[in-house]
PDB file of N, CA and C in Angstrom:
ATOM      1  N   MET A   1      -7.258 -14.389  33.170  1.00  0.00           N
ATOM      2  CA  MET A   1      -6.239 -15.031  32.359  1.00  0.00           C
ATOM      3  C   MET A   1      -4.904 -14.899  33.090  1.00  0.00           C
ATOM      4  N   LYS A   2      -4.199 -15.969  33.180  1.00  0.00           N
ATOM      5  CA  LYS A   2      -2.920 -15.977  33.868  1.00  0.00           C
ATOM      6  C   LYS A   2      -1.851 -15.316  32.999  1.00  0.00           C
ATOM      7  N   SER A   3      -1.032 -14.483  33.613  1.00  0.00           N
ATOM      8  CA  SER A   3       0.043 -13.796  32.888  1.00  0.00           C
ATOM      9  C   SER A   3       1.374 -14.476  33.166  1.00  0.00           C
ATOM     10  N   ARG A   4       2.259 -14.351  32.201  1.00  0.00           N
ATOM     11  CA  ARG A   4       3.616 -14.869  32.347  1.00  0.00           C
ATOM     12  C   ARG A   4       4.579 -13.786  31.915  1.00  0.00           C
ATOM     13  N   ASN A   5       5.737 -13.770  32.509  1.00  0.00           N
ATOM     14  CA  ASN A   5       6.757 -12.794  32.154  1.00  0.00           C
ATOM     15  C   ASN A   5       7.647 -13.332  31.045  1.00  0.00           C
ATOM     16  N   ILE A   6       8.023 -12.449  30.128  1.00  0.00           N
ATOM     17  CA  ILE A   6       8.993 -12.794  29.097  1.00  0.00           C
ATOM     18  C   ILE A   6       9.996 -11.648  29.012  1.00  0.00           C
ATOM     19  N   THR A   7      11.125 -11.911  28.412  1.00  0.00           N
ATOM     20  CA  THR A   7      12.162 -10.901  28.277  1.00  0.00           C
ATOM     21  C   THR A   7      12.442 -10.667  26.805  1.00  0.00           C
ATOM     22  N   PHE A   8      12.519  -9.408  26.425  1.00  0.00           N
ATOM     23  CA  PHE A   8      12.872  -9.020  25.067  1.00  0.00           C
ATOM     24  C   PHE A   8      14.266  -8.409  25.075  1.00  0.00           C
ATOM     25  N   SER A   9      14.970  -8.631  24.012  1.00  0.00           N
ATOM     26  CA  SER A   9      16.243  -7.964  23.804  1.00  0.00           C
ATOM     27  C   SER A   9      16.065  -7.061  22.593  1.00  0.00           C
ATOM     28  N   LEU A  10      16.005  -5.745  22.840  1.00  0.00           N
ATOM     29  CA  LEU A  10      15.727  -4.779  21.785  1.00  0.00           C
ATOM     30  C   LEU A  10      16.801  -3.701  21.766  1.00  0.00           C
ATOM     31  N   PRO A  11      17.012  -3.071  20.615  1.00  0.00           N
ATOM     32  CA  PRO A  11      17.981  -1.975  20.543  1.00  0.00           C
ATOM     33  C   PRO A  11      17.564  -0.823  21.466  1.00  0.00           C
ATOM     34  N   ALA A  12      18.535  -0.139  22.016  1.00  0.00           N
ATOM     35  CA  ALA A  12      18.290   0.937  22.978  1.00  0.00           C
ATOM     36  C   ALA A  12      17.407   2.038  22.384  1.00  0.00           C
ATOM     37  N   ASP A  13      17.621   2.394  21.120  1.00  0.00           N
ATOM     38  CA  ASP A  13      16.815   3.463  20.522  1.00  0.00           C
ATOM     39  C   ASP A  13      15.356   3.045  20.350  1.00  0.00           C
ATOM     40  N   LEU A  14      15.115   1.759  20.119  1.00  0.00           N
ATOM     41  CA  LEU A  14      13.748   1.270  20.018  1.00  0.00           C
ATOM     42  C   LEU A  14      13.066   1.328  21.382  1.00  0.00           C
ATOM     43  N   ILE A  15      13.783   0.956  22.420  1.00  0.00           N
ATOM     44  CA  ILE A  15      13.232   1.019  23.780  1.00  0.00           C
ATOM     45  C   ILE A  15      12.937   2.469  24.152  1.00  0.00           C
ATOM     46  N   ARG A  16      13.851   3.366  23.824  1.00  0.00           N
ATOM     47  CA  ARG A  16      13.657   4.787  24.106  1.00  0.00           C
ATOM     48  C   ARG A  16      12.390   5.292  23.396  1.00  0.00           C
ATOM     49  N   GLY A  17      12.273   4.946  22.137  1.00  0.00           N
ATOM     50  CA  GLY A  17      11.080   5.347  21.384  1.00  0.00           C
ATOM     51  C   GLY A  17       9.805   4.738  21.951  1.00  0.00           C
ATOM     52  N   ALA A  18       9.883   3.494  22.391  1.00  0.00           N
ATOM     53  CA  ALA A  18       8.720   2.825  22.974  1.00  0.00           C
ATOM     54  C   ALA A  18       8.307   3.496  24.278  1.00  0.00           C
ATOM     55  N   ARG A  19       9.277   3.924  25.077  1.00  0.00           N
ATOM     56  CA  ARG A  19       8.958   4.626  26.327  1.00  0.00           C
ATOM     57  C   ARG A  19       8.238   5.944  26.036  1.00  0.00           C
ATOM     58  N   ILE A  20       8.731   6.657  25.055  1.00  0.00           N
ATOM     59  CA  ILE A  20       8.108   7.938  24.689  1.00  0.00           C
ATOM     60  C   ILE A  20       6.697   7.689  24.158  1.00  0.00           C
ATOM     61  N   TYR A  21       6.568   6.721  23.248  1.00  0.00           N
ATOM     62  CA  TYR A  21       5.269   6.373  22.665  1.00  0.00           C
ATOM     63  C   TYR A  21       4.277   6.022  23.768  1.00  0.00           C
ATOM     64  N   ALA A  22       4.690   5.176  24.706  1.00  0.00           N
ATOM     65  CA  ALA A  22       3.805   4.740  25.790  1.00  0.00           C
ATOM     66  C   ALA A  22       3.453   5.913  26.702  1.00  0.00           C
ATOM     67  N   ALA A  23       4.431   6.740  27.045  1.00  0.00           N
ATOM     68  CA  ALA A  23       4.187   7.869  27.943  1.00  0.00           C
ATOM     69  C   ALA A  23       3.209   8.865  27.328  1.00  0.00           C
ATOM     70  N   GLU A  24       3.322   9.096  26.025  1.00  0.00           N
ATOM     71  CA  GLU A  24       2.414  10.021  25.340  1.00  0.00           C
ATOM     72  C   GLU A  24       0.971   9.531  25.375  1.00  0.00           C
ATOM     73  N   ARG A  25       0.799   8.244  25.549  1.00  0.00           N
ATOM     74  CA  ARG A  25      -0.540   7.658  25.590  1.00  0.00           C
ATOM     75  C   ARG A  25      -0.946   7.242  27.000  1.00  0.00           C
ATOM     76  N   ASP A  26      -0.136   7.653  27.970  1.00  0.00           N
ATOM     77  CA  ASP A  26      -0.378   7.322  29.383  1.00  0.00           C
ATOM     78  C   ASP A  26      -0.515   5.810  29.571  1.00  0.00           C
ATOM     79  N   LYS A  27       0.408   5.075  28.972  1.00  0.00           N
ATOM     80  CA  LYS A  27       0.425   3.617  29.058  1.00  0.00           C
ATOM     81  C   LYS A  27       1.816   3.140  29.455  1.00  0.00           C
ATOM     82  N   THR A  28       1.894   1.858  29.729  1.00  0.00           N
ATOM     83  CA  THR A  28       3.197   1.235  29.956  1.00  0.00           C
ATOM     84  C   THR A  28       3.643   0.573  28.657  1.00  0.00           C
ATOM     85  N   ILE A  29       4.934   0.310  28.561  1.00  0.00           N
ATOM     86  CA  ILE A  29       5.431  -0.414  27.387  1.00  0.00           C
ATOM     87  C   ILE A  29       4.753  -1.774  27.316  1.00  0.00           C
ATOM     88  N   ASN A  30       4.561  -2.398  28.466  1.00  0.00           N
ATOM     89  CA  ASN A  30       3.909  -3.700  28.521  1.00  0.00           C
ATOM     90  C   ASN A  30       2.510  -3.649  27.891  1.00  0.00           C
ATOM     91  N   SER A  31       1.732  -2.636  28.248  1.00  0.00           N
ATOM     92  CA  SER A  31       0.374  -2.557  27.698  1.00  0.00           C
ATOM     93  C   SER A  31       0.392  -2.215  26.210  1.00  0.00           C
ATOM     94  N   VAL A  32       1.373  -1.415  25.770  1.00  0.00           N
ATOM     95  CA  VAL A  32       1.484  -1.102  24.338  1.00  0.00           C
ATOM     96  C   VAL A  32       1.799  -2.373  23.552  1.00  0.00           C
ATOM     97  N   VAL A  33       2.752  -3.142  24.032  1.00  0.00           N
ATOM     98  CA  VAL A  33       3.119  -4.391  23.348  1.00  0.00           C
ATOM     99  C   VAL A  33       1.942  -5.351  23.348  1.00  0.00           C
ATOM    100  N   ARG A  34       1.261  -5.472  24.473  1.00  0.00           N
ATOM    101  CA  ARG A  34       0.097  -6.359  24.558  1.00  0.00           C
ATOM    102  C   ARG A  34      -0.978  -5.934  23.559  1.00  0.00           C
ATOM    103  N   ASP A  35      -1.283  -4.622  23.516  1.00  0.00           N
ATOM    104  CA  ASP A  35      -2.291  -4.126  22.576  1.00  0.00           C
ATOM    105  C   ASP A  35      -1.895  -4.404  21.129  1.00  0.00           C
ATOM    106  N   LEU A  36      -0.637  -4.161  20.785  1.00  0.00           N
ATOM    107  CA  LEU A  36      -0.171  -4.393  19.416  1.00  0.00           C
ATOM    108  C   LEU A  36      -0.248  -5.870  19.035  1.00  0.00           C
ATOM    109  N   LEU A  37       0.136  -6.747  19.952  1.00  0.00           N
ATOM    110  CA  LEU A  37       0.071  -8.184  19.675  1.00  0.00           C
ATOM    111  C   LEU A  37      -1.373  -8.654  19.540  1.00  0.00           C
ATOM    112  N   GLU A  38      -2.249  -8.177  20.426  1.00  0.00           N
ATOM    113  CA  GLU A  38      -3.656  -8.561  20.334  1.00  0.00           C
ATOM    114  C   GLU A  38      -4.263  -8.092  19.019  1.00  0.00           C
ATOM    115  N   GLU A  39      -3.927  -6.863  18.613  1.00  0.00           N
ATOM    116  CA  GLU A  39      -4.442  -6.335  17.347  1.00  0.00           C
ATOM    117  C   GLU A  39      -3.931  -7.157  16.158  1.00  0.00           C
ATOM    118  N   ALA A  40      -2.642  -7.482  16.162  1.00  0.00           N
ATOM    119  CA  ALA A  40      -2.067  -8.253  15.054  1.00  0.00           C
ATOM    120  C   ALA A  40      -2.689  -9.646  14.978  1.00  0.00           C
ATOM    121  N   LEU A  41      -2.855 -10.285  16.113  1.00  0.00           N
ATOM    122  CA  LEU A  41      -3.441 -11.632  16.127  1.00  0.00           C
ATOM    123  C   LEU A  41      -4.915 -11.594  15.735  1.00  0.00           C
ATOM    124  N   SER A  42      -5.628 -10.561  16.172  1.00  0.00           N
ATOM    125  CA  SER A  42      -7.036 -10.423  15.805  1.00  0.00           C
ATOM    126  C   SER A  42      -7.172 -10.198  14.304  1.00  0.00           C
ATOM    127  N   ARG A  43      -6.324  -9.331  13.743  1.00  0.00           N
ATOM    128  CA  ARG A  43      -6.360  -9.052  12.297  1.00  0.00           C
ATOM    129  C   ARG A  43      -6.056 -10.318  11.509  1.00  0.00           C
ATOM    130  N   GLU A  44      -5.076 -11.081  11.966  1.00  0.00           N
ATOM    131  CA  GLU A  44      -4.717 -12.329  11.284  1.00  0.00           C
ATOM    132  C   GLU A  44      -5.865 -13.327  11.357  1.00  0.00           C
ATOM    133  N   ASN A  45      -6.516 -13.396  12.505  1.00  0.00           N
ATOM    134  CA  ASN A  45      -7.637 -14.320  12.666  1.00  0.00           C
ATOM    135  C   ASN A  45      -8.800 -13.910  11.769  1.00  0.00           C
ATOM    136  N   ARG A  46      -9.083 -12.587  11.695  1.00  0.00           N
ATOM    137  CA  ARG A  46     -10.166 -12.124  10.819  1.00  0.00           C
ATOM    138  C   ARG A  46      -9.867 -12.456   9.362  1.00  0.00           C
ATOM    139  N   ALA A  47      -8.609 -12.320   8.958  1.00  0.00           N
ATOM    140  CA  ALA A  47      -8.227 -12.641   7.579  1.00  0.00           C
ATOM    141  C   ALA A  47      -8.404 -14.131   7.315  1.00  0.00           C
ATOM    142  N   ARG A  48      -8.042 -14.954   8.281  1.00  0.00           N
ATOM    143  CA  ARG A  48      -8.184 -16.403   8.132  1.00  0.00           C
ATOM    144  C   ARG A  48      -9.660 -16.793   8.019  1.00  0.00           C
ATOM    145  N   VAL A  49     -10.507 -16.191   8.855  1.00  0.00           N
ATOM    146  CA  VAL A  49     -11.942 -16.473   8.813  1.00  0.00           C
ATOM    147  C   VAL A  49     -12.522 -16.047   7.466  1.00  0.00           C
ATOM    148  N   ALA A  50     -12.129 -14.868   6.984  1.00  0.00           N
ATOM    149  CA  ALA A  50     -12.620 -14.384   5.691  1.00  0.00           C
ATOM    150  C   ALA A  50     -12.184 -15.313   4.561  1.00  0.00           C
ATOM    151  N   ALA A  51     -10.960 -15.785   4.606  1.00  0.00           N
ATOM    152  CA  ALA A  51     -10.472 -16.699   3.572  1.00  0.00           C
ATOM    153  C   ALA A  51     -11.274 -17.995   3.582  1.00  0.00           C
ATOM    154  N   HIS A  52     -11.582 -18.505   4.767  1.00  0.00           N
ATOM    155  CA  HIS A  52     -12.389 -19.730   4.856  1.00  0.00           C
ATOM    156  C   HIS A  52     -13.789 -19.505   4.291  1.00  0.00           C
ATOM    157  N   ARG A  53     -14.363 -18.325   4.556  1.00  0.00           N
ATOM    158  CA  ARG A  53     -15.692 -18.014   4.013  1.00  0.00           C
ATOM    159  C   ARG A  53     -15.659 -17.969   2.490  1.00  0.00           C
ATOM    160  N   LEU A  54     -14.638 -17.319   1.948  1.00  0.00           N
ATOM    161  CA  LEU A  54     -14.517 -17.243   0.492  1.00  0.00           C
ATOM    162  C   LEU A  54     -14.351 -18.622  -0.133  1.00  0.00           C
ATOM    163  N   LEU A  55     -13.554 -19.469   0.497  1.00  0.00           N
ATOM    164  CA  LEU A  55     -13.372 -20.825  -0.018  1.00  0.00           C
ATOM    165  C   LEU A  55     -14.681 -21.614   0.035  1.00  0.00           C
ATOM    166  N   ALA A  56     -15.449 -21.415   1.101  1.00  0.00           N
ATOM    167  CA  ALA A  56     -16.737 -22.105   1.208  1.00  0.00           C
ATOM    168  C   ALA A  56     -17.689 -21.647   0.113  1.00  0.00           C
ATOM    169  N   ILE A  57     -17.695 -20.347  -0.169  1.00  0.00           N
ATOM    170  CA  ILE A  57     -18.541 -19.821  -1.244  1.00  0.00           C
ATOM    171  C   ILE A  57     -18.095 -20.398  -2.584  1.00  0.00           C
ATOM    172  N   ALA A  58     -16.793 -20.447  -2.813  1.00  0.00           N
ATOM    173  CA  ALA A  58     -16.264 -20.978  -4.071  1.00  0.00           C
ATOM    174  C   ALA A  58     -16.618 -22.451  -4.245  1.00  0.00           C
ATOM    175  N   GLU A  59     -16.641 -23.202  -3.167  1.00  0.00           N
ATOM    176  CA  GLU A  59     -16.973 -24.627  -3.251  1.00  0.00           C
ATOM    177  C   GLU A  59     -18.434 -24.850  -3.596  1.00  0.00           C
ATOM    178  N   ARG A  60     -19.308 -23.904  -3.193  1.00  0.00           N
ATOM    179  CA  ARG A  60     -20.743 -24.044  -3.490  1.00  0.00           C
ATOM    180  C   ARG A  60     -21.050 -23.764  -4.946  1.00  0.00           C
ATOM    181  N   GLY A  61     -20.150 -23.101  -5.620  1.00  0.00           N
ATOM    182  CA  GLY A  61     -20.358 -22.839  -7.036  1.00  0.00           C
ATOM    183  C   GLY A  61     -20.876 -21.445  -7.299  1.00  0.00           C
ATOM    184  N   PRO A  62     -21.096 -21.134  -8.571  1.00  0.00           N
ATOM    185  CA  PRO A  62     -21.506 -19.769  -8.942  1.00  0.00           C
ATOM    186  C   PRO A  62     -22.935 -19.473  -8.506  1.00  0.00           C
ATOM    187  N   TYR A  63     -23.191 -18.216  -8.237  1.00  0.00           N
ATOM    188  CA  TYR A  63     -24.541 -17.787  -7.884  1.00  0.00           C
ATOM    189  C   TYR A  63     -25.348 -17.469  -9.136  1.00  0.00           C
ATOM    190  N   PHE A  64     -24.672 -17.091 -10.191  1.00  0.00           N
ATOM    191  CA  PHE A  64     -25.334 -16.677 -11.414  1.00  0.00           C
ATOM    192  C   PHE A  64     -25.232 -17.825 -12.402  1.00  0.00           C
ATOM    193  N   THR A  65     -26.363 -18.457 -12.680  1.00  0.00           N
ATOM    194  CA  THR A  65     -26.329 -19.638 -13.528  1.00  0.00           C
ATOM    195  C   THR A  65     -27.022 -19.441 -14.877  1.00  0.00           C
ATOM    196  N   ALA A  66     -27.498 -18.228 -15.134  1.00  0.00           N
ATOM    197  CA  ALA A  66     -28.184 -17.974 -16.407  1.00  0.00           C
ATOM    198  C   ALA A  66     -27.190 -18.034 -17.560  1.00  0.00           C
ATOM    199  N   ASP A  67     -27.683 -18.405 -18.693  1.00  0.00           N
ATOM    200  CA  ASP A  67     -26.874 -18.428 -19.906  1.00  0.00           C
ATOM    201  C   ASP A  67     -26.759 -16.995 -20.424  1.00  0.00           C
ATOM    202  N   LEU A  68     -25.581 -16.430 -20.354  1.00  0.00           N
ATOM    203  CA  LEU A  68     -25.380 -15.036 -20.736  1.00  0.00           C
ATOM    204  C   LEU A  68     -25.704 -14.773 -22.196  1.00  0.00           C
ATOM    205  N   ARG A  69     -25.619 -15.787 -23.035  1.00  0.00           N
ATOM    206  CA  ARG A  69     -25.924 -15.604 -24.456  1.00  0.00           C
ATOM    207  C   ARG A  69     -27.405 -15.354 -24.703  1.00  0.00           C
ATOM    208  N   LYS A  70     -28.247 -15.727 -23.735  1.00  0.00           N
ATOM    209  CA  LYS A  70     -29.690 -15.579 -23.908  1.00  0.00           C
ATOM    210  C   LYS A  70     -30.233 -14.287 -23.296  1.00  0.00           C
ATOM    211  N   ILE A  71     -29.393 -13.506 -22.680  1.00  0.00           N
ATOM    212  CA  ILE A  71     -29.845 -12.259 -22.072  1.00  0.00           C
ATOM    213  C   ILE A  71     -29.674 -11.137 -23.092  1.00  0.00           C
ATOM    214  N   ARG A  72     -30.746 -10.364 -23.263  1.00  0.00           N
ATOM    215  CA  ARG A  72     -30.681  -9.245 -24.203  1.00  0.00           C
ATOM    216  C   ARG A  72     -29.928  -8.078 -23.574  1.00  0.00           C
ATOM    217  N   ARG A  73     -29.241  -7.340 -24.394  1.00  0.00           N
ATOM    218  CA  ARG A  73     -28.484  -6.184 -23.920  1.00  0.00           C
ATOM    219  C   ARG A  73     -29.387  -5.180 -23.216  1.00  0.00           C
ATOM    220  N   GLU A  74     -30.572  -4.969 -23.740  1.00  0.00           N
ATOM    221  CA  GLU A  74     -31.506  -4.016 -23.167  1.00  0.00           C
ATOM    222  C   GLU A  74     -31.904  -4.416 -21.742  1.00  0.00           C
ATOM    223  N   ALA A  75     -32.054  -5.699 -21.530  1.00  0.00           N
ATOM    224  CA  ALA A  75     -32.430  -6.190 -20.205  1.00  0.00           C
ATOM    225  C   ALA A  75     -31.315  -5.957 -19.182  1.00  0.00           C
ATOM    226  N   LEU A  76     -30.091  -6.033 -19.635  1.00  0.00           N
ATOM    227  CA  LEU A  76     -28.973  -5.799 -18.714  1.00  0.00           C
ATOM    228  C   LEU A  76     -28.902  -4.352 -18.258  1.00  0.00           C
ATOM    229  N   HIS A  77     -29.365  -3.443 -19.106  1.00  0.00           N
ATOM    230  CA  HIS A  77     -29.241  -2.014 -18.812  1.00  0.00           C
ATOM    231  C   HIS A  77     -30.572  -1.372 -18.443  1.00  0.00           C
ATOM    232  N   GLU A  78     -31.565  -2.168 -18.058  1.00  0.00           N
ATOM    233  CA  GLU A  78     -32.847  -1.616 -17.653  1.00  0.00           C
ATOM    234  C   GLU A  78     -32.688  -0.791 -16.398  1.00  0.00           C
ATOM    235  N   ARG A  79     -33.415   0.301 -16.352  1.00  0.00           N
ATOM    236  CA  ARG A  79     -33.430   1.157 -15.151  1.00  0.00           C
ATOM    237  C   ARG A  79     -34.629   0.774 -14.317  1.00  0.00           C
ATOM    238  N   ARG A  80     -34.415   0.707 -13.041  1.00  0.00           N
ATOM    239  CA  ARG A  80     -35.520   0.353 -12.128  1.00  0.00           C
ATOM    240  C   ARG A  80     -35.869   1.509 -11.254  1.00  0.00           C
TER     241      ARG A  80
END
């Protein structure tokens, strides 16, 4: 994958904290930012996929089609 350079303008204390955070993990700030962005984008994508699955299930309709008025209470609480 081809890489491109970008420039961030961040407060000095945030940069200082990022350097410490990265050093404690034996990483560069660049790799920390890359990991955080990849994680955020992956989480967002997983949420989007899950939402699409739920919508597809909702469009298919209910799974339980029995008439609840015809089910006896004892049958609902049977032990198996």
